[in-house]
N, C-alpha and C. Protein backbone atom coordinates (compact mmCIF):
# COMPACT_ATOMS: atom_id res chain seq x y z
N MET A 1 -14.69 169.56 -33.45
CA MET A 1 -13.71 170.49 -33.91
C MET A 1 -12.39 170.20 -33.20
N ASN A 2 -11.30 170.24 -33.94
CA ASN A 2 -9.98 169.99 -33.38
C ASN A 2 -9.14 171.25 -33.41
N ILE A 3 -8.25 171.39 -32.43
CA ILE A 3 -7.25 172.45 -32.45
C ILE A 3 -5.89 171.79 -32.24
N TYR A 4 -4.85 172.51 -32.60
CA TYR A 4 -3.50 171.99 -32.52
C TYR A 4 -2.63 172.96 -31.74
N LYS A 5 -1.70 172.40 -30.97
CA LYS A 5 -0.74 173.19 -30.20
C LYS A 5 0.62 172.52 -30.32
N ILE A 6 1.66 173.31 -30.08
CA ILE A 6 3.02 172.79 -30.05
C ILE A 6 3.45 172.76 -28.59
N ARG A 7 3.77 171.55 -28.08
CA ARG A 7 4.13 171.38 -26.67
C ARG A 7 5.61 171.02 -26.53
N ARG A 8 6.30 171.73 -25.66
CA ARG A 8 7.71 171.43 -25.37
C ARG A 8 7.77 170.22 -24.44
N LYS A 9 8.57 169.23 -24.80
CA LYS A 9 8.64 167.98 -24.04
C LYS A 9 9.20 168.16 -22.64
N SER A 10 10.16 169.06 -22.48
CA SER A 10 10.86 169.17 -21.20
C SER A 10 9.98 169.64 -20.05
N ASP A 11 9.05 170.55 -20.32
CA ASP A 11 8.25 171.10 -19.22
C ASP A 11 6.74 171.11 -19.49
N GLY A 12 6.31 170.69 -20.68
CA GLY A 12 4.89 170.63 -21.00
C GLY A 12 4.26 171.96 -21.36
N LEU A 13 5.07 173.02 -21.50
CA LEU A 13 4.53 174.33 -21.88
C LEU A 13 4.28 174.37 -23.38
N PHE A 14 3.36 175.27 -23.79
CA PHE A 14 2.94 175.36 -25.18
C PHE A 14 3.52 176.62 -25.84
N SER A 15 3.82 176.49 -27.13
CA SER A 15 4.37 177.61 -27.90
C SER A 15 3.35 178.73 -27.98
N GLU A 16 3.84 179.96 -27.91
CA GLU A 16 2.98 181.13 -28.07
C GLU A 16 2.94 181.60 -29.52
N GLY A 17 3.57 180.87 -30.41
CA GLY A 17 3.56 181.25 -31.82
C GLY A 17 4.43 182.45 -32.06
N GLY A 18 3.93 183.41 -32.80
CA GLY A 18 4.69 184.62 -33.05
C GLY A 18 5.55 184.51 -34.29
N ALA A 19 6.64 185.25 -34.31
CA ALA A 19 7.49 185.35 -35.49
C ALA A 19 8.26 184.08 -35.79
N GLY A 20 8.32 183.19 -34.86
CA GLY A 20 9.09 181.97 -35.07
C GLY A 20 10.55 182.21 -34.78
N GLY A 21 11.36 181.24 -35.12
CA GLY A 21 12.79 181.38 -34.90
C GLY A 21 13.15 181.33 -33.43
N PRO A 22 14.27 181.91 -33.08
CA PRO A 22 14.78 181.79 -31.71
C PRO A 22 14.01 182.61 -30.68
N TRP A 23 13.01 183.37 -31.09
CA TRP A 23 12.29 184.25 -30.18
C TRP A 23 10.96 183.66 -29.73
N VAL A 24 10.76 182.38 -29.89
CA VAL A 24 9.50 181.74 -29.53
C VAL A 24 9.38 181.68 -28.01
N GLY A 25 8.21 182.09 -27.51
CA GLY A 25 7.94 182.00 -26.08
C GLY A 25 7.06 180.79 -25.80
N PHE A 26 7.08 180.32 -24.57
CA PHE A 26 6.25 179.18 -24.16
C PHE A 26 5.49 179.57 -22.89
N SER A 27 4.24 179.08 -22.78
CA SER A 27 3.41 179.37 -21.61
C SER A 27 2.49 178.19 -21.34
N LYS A 28 1.73 178.28 -20.24
CA LYS A 28 0.79 177.21 -19.89
C LYS A 28 -0.33 177.08 -20.91
N ILE A 29 -0.76 178.19 -21.50
CA ILE A 29 -1.88 178.17 -22.45
C ILE A 29 -1.39 178.09 -23.89
N GLY A 30 -0.50 178.97 -24.26
CA GLY A 30 0.06 178.96 -25.61
C GLY A 30 -0.95 179.35 -26.68
N LYS A 31 -0.53 179.18 -27.92
CA LYS A 31 -1.36 179.52 -29.08
C LYS A 31 -2.04 178.26 -29.61
N SER A 32 -3.24 178.42 -30.14
CA SER A 32 -3.97 177.32 -30.77
C SER A 32 -4.08 177.59 -32.26
N TRP A 33 -3.91 176.56 -33.04
CA TRP A 33 -4.12 176.63 -34.49
C TRP A 33 -5.32 175.76 -34.83
N HIS A 34 -6.14 176.19 -35.76
CA HIS A 34 -7.34 175.45 -36.14
C HIS A 34 -7.08 174.41 -37.22
N HIS A 35 -5.95 174.52 -37.90
CA HIS A 35 -5.62 173.58 -38.97
C HIS A 35 -4.18 173.13 -38.81
N LEU A 36 -3.93 171.86 -39.05
CA LEU A 36 -2.59 171.32 -38.96
C LEU A 36 -1.65 172.01 -39.94
N ARG A 37 -2.17 172.40 -41.11
CA ARG A 37 -1.31 173.07 -42.10
C ARG A 37 -0.78 174.41 -41.59
N HIS A 38 -1.52 175.06 -40.69
CA HIS A 38 -1.03 176.31 -40.11
C HIS A 38 0.11 176.06 -39.13
N VAL A 39 0.06 174.95 -38.41
CA VAL A 39 1.16 174.57 -37.52
C VAL A 39 2.41 174.29 -38.35
N VAL A 40 2.23 173.55 -39.44
CA VAL A 40 3.35 173.21 -40.32
C VAL A 40 3.96 174.49 -40.90
N ALA A 41 3.14 175.44 -41.30
CA ALA A 41 3.63 176.71 -41.83
C ALA A 41 4.43 177.46 -40.76
N HIS A 42 3.95 177.44 -39.52
CA HIS A 42 4.67 178.10 -38.43
C HIS A 42 6.03 177.44 -38.21
N LEU A 43 6.06 176.10 -38.24
CA LEU A 43 7.33 175.39 -38.04
C LEU A 43 8.32 175.68 -39.17
N LYS A 44 7.82 175.80 -40.39
CA LYS A 44 8.69 176.16 -41.51
C LYS A 44 9.25 177.56 -41.33
N THR A 45 8.42 178.49 -40.88
CA THR A 45 8.86 179.86 -40.64
C THR A 45 9.93 179.89 -39.56
N ALA A 46 9.75 179.11 -38.50
CA ALA A 46 10.72 179.04 -37.42
C ALA A 46 12.05 178.49 -37.93
N ARG A 47 11.99 177.48 -38.79
CA ARG A 47 13.22 176.90 -39.34
C ARG A 47 13.97 177.92 -40.19
N ILE A 48 13.24 178.63 -41.05
CA ILE A 48 13.87 179.62 -41.93
C ILE A 48 14.48 180.75 -41.11
N ALA A 49 13.74 181.24 -40.09
CA ALA A 49 14.25 182.32 -39.24
C ALA A 49 15.49 181.87 -38.47
N SER A 50 15.50 180.65 -37.99
CA SER A 50 16.66 180.13 -37.25
C SER A 50 17.88 180.04 -38.15
N GLU A 51 17.67 179.56 -39.37
CA GLU A 51 18.79 179.47 -40.32
C GLU A 51 19.32 180.85 -40.68
N TYR A 52 18.42 181.80 -40.91
CA TYR A 52 18.81 183.15 -41.30
C TYR A 52 19.64 183.82 -40.20
N HIS A 53 19.21 183.66 -38.94
CA HIS A 53 19.90 184.30 -37.82
C HIS A 53 20.99 183.42 -37.22
N LYS A 54 21.21 182.24 -37.83
CA LYS A 54 22.25 181.31 -37.37
C LYS A 54 22.10 180.99 -35.88
N MET A 55 20.87 180.69 -35.49
CA MET A 55 20.57 180.32 -34.11
C MET A 55 19.84 178.98 -34.13
N PRO A 56 19.86 178.25 -33.02
CA PRO A 56 19.19 176.95 -32.99
C PRO A 56 17.67 177.07 -33.12
N ASN A 57 17.09 176.11 -33.78
CA ASN A 57 15.63 176.05 -33.92
C ASN A 57 15.04 175.61 -32.58
N PRO A 58 14.14 176.41 -31.98
CA PRO A 58 13.61 176.07 -30.65
C PRO A 58 12.69 174.85 -30.64
N TYR A 59 12.26 174.39 -31.81
CA TYR A 59 11.34 173.26 -31.87
C TYR A 59 12.03 171.93 -32.20
N LEU A 60 13.14 171.99 -32.86
CA LEU A 60 13.77 170.80 -33.42
C LEU A 60 14.15 169.78 -32.34
N GLY A 61 13.46 168.66 -32.33
CA GLY A 61 13.75 167.59 -31.39
C GLY A 61 13.27 167.83 -29.97
N THR A 62 12.67 168.96 -29.71
CA THR A 62 12.27 169.28 -28.32
C THR A 62 10.76 169.41 -28.14
N CYS A 63 10.00 169.35 -29.24
CA CYS A 63 8.56 169.62 -29.16
C CYS A 63 7.74 168.57 -29.89
N ASP A 64 6.48 168.48 -29.49
CA ASP A 64 5.49 167.62 -30.16
C ASP A 64 4.33 168.48 -30.62
N ILE A 65 3.65 168.05 -31.67
CA ILE A 65 2.39 168.66 -32.07
C ILE A 65 1.28 167.87 -31.39
N VAL A 66 0.42 168.57 -30.66
CA VAL A 66 -0.66 167.92 -29.91
C VAL A 66 -1.99 168.34 -30.51
N GLU A 67 -2.86 167.35 -30.73
CA GLU A 67 -4.20 167.61 -31.26
C GLU A 67 -5.21 167.49 -30.13
N PHE A 68 -6.05 168.51 -29.98
CA PHE A 68 -7.11 168.50 -28.98
C PHE A 68 -8.45 168.47 -29.69
N GLU A 69 -9.37 167.68 -29.16
CA GLU A 69 -10.73 167.66 -29.70
C GLU A 69 -11.62 168.47 -28.77
N LEU A 70 -12.28 169.48 -29.32
CA LEU A 70 -13.20 170.30 -28.54
C LEU A 70 -14.59 169.70 -28.65
N VAL A 71 -15.21 169.46 -27.51
CA VAL A 71 -16.53 168.84 -27.47
C VAL A 71 -17.49 169.77 -26.73
N GLU A 72 -18.61 170.09 -27.36
CA GLU A 72 -19.64 170.90 -26.70
C GLU A 72 -20.40 169.99 -25.74
N ARG A 73 -20.42 170.35 -24.46
CA ARG A 73 -21.07 169.50 -23.48
C ARG A 73 -22.49 169.94 -23.19
N ALA A 74 -22.72 171.24 -23.03
CA ALA A 74 -24.05 171.72 -22.69
C ALA A 74 -24.13 173.22 -22.94
N VAL A 75 -25.34 173.68 -23.16
CA VAL A 75 -25.59 175.12 -23.25
C VAL A 75 -25.93 175.58 -21.84
N ILE A 76 -25.15 176.48 -21.29
CA ILE A 76 -25.35 176.92 -19.91
C ILE A 76 -26.48 177.93 -19.82
N GLU A 77 -26.48 178.91 -20.71
CA GLU A 77 -27.51 179.93 -20.68
C GLU A 77 -27.61 180.55 -22.06
N SER A 78 -28.84 180.77 -22.50
CA SER A 78 -29.04 181.49 -23.75
C SER A 78 -28.96 182.98 -23.48
N ILE A 79 -28.48 183.72 -24.44
CA ILE A 79 -28.33 185.17 -24.28
C ILE A 79 -29.53 185.85 -24.92
N HIS A 80 -30.30 186.58 -24.09
CA HIS A 80 -31.52 187.22 -24.57
C HIS A 80 -31.49 188.73 -24.41
N ARG A 81 -30.50 189.27 -23.74
CA ARG A 81 -30.46 190.70 -23.48
C ARG A 81 -29.80 191.44 -24.65
N LYS A 82 -30.25 192.67 -24.84
CA LYS A 82 -29.64 193.51 -25.85
C LYS A 82 -28.37 194.13 -25.26
N PRO A 83 -27.40 194.51 -26.08
CA PRO A 83 -26.18 195.13 -25.55
C PRO A 83 -26.47 196.50 -24.94
N ILE A 84 -25.56 196.95 -24.11
CA ILE A 84 -25.70 198.26 -23.47
C ILE A 84 -25.47 199.34 -24.52
N ALA A 85 -26.40 200.30 -24.56
CA ALA A 85 -26.25 201.42 -25.49
C ALA A 85 -25.06 202.27 -25.04
N PRO A 86 -24.28 202.83 -25.98
CA PRO A 86 -23.08 203.55 -25.60
C PRO A 86 -23.34 204.80 -24.75
N ASN A 87 -24.52 205.42 -24.87
CA ASN A 87 -24.81 206.63 -24.11
C ASN A 87 -25.68 206.40 -22.90
N LYS A 88 -25.95 205.15 -22.54
CA LYS A 88 -26.79 204.84 -21.38
C LYS A 88 -26.07 203.85 -20.49
N ARG A 89 -26.45 203.84 -19.22
CA ARG A 89 -25.80 202.96 -18.26
C ARG A 89 -26.68 201.80 -17.86
N ARG A 90 -27.72 201.56 -18.58
CA ARG A 90 -28.62 200.44 -18.27
C ARG A 90 -28.86 199.63 -19.53
N LEU A 91 -29.45 198.47 -19.34
CA LEU A 91 -29.78 197.65 -20.50
C LEU A 91 -30.94 198.27 -21.27
N VAL A 92 -30.90 198.18 -22.55
CA VAL A 92 -31.95 198.76 -23.38
C VAL A 92 -33.05 197.76 -23.58
């Protein structure tokens, strides 16, 4: 399974997504998209919002799209317990 993120070249931080446009935040973790088409849709939204508000596009020329491959390495523990009942303080 692959996920996609938008990484800012200057500091390596990842886009947090959101409304797009000039209000995009960046953090160490950022937002993950499961499909490349969703990243493209976000970038289009950011472009439209930037044009509408006459502000610079925060992604244009400053970011890369990064693809990560998620690999399952091992099952650590199987879950066999039932959830805690809402009116009790112990496992059922």
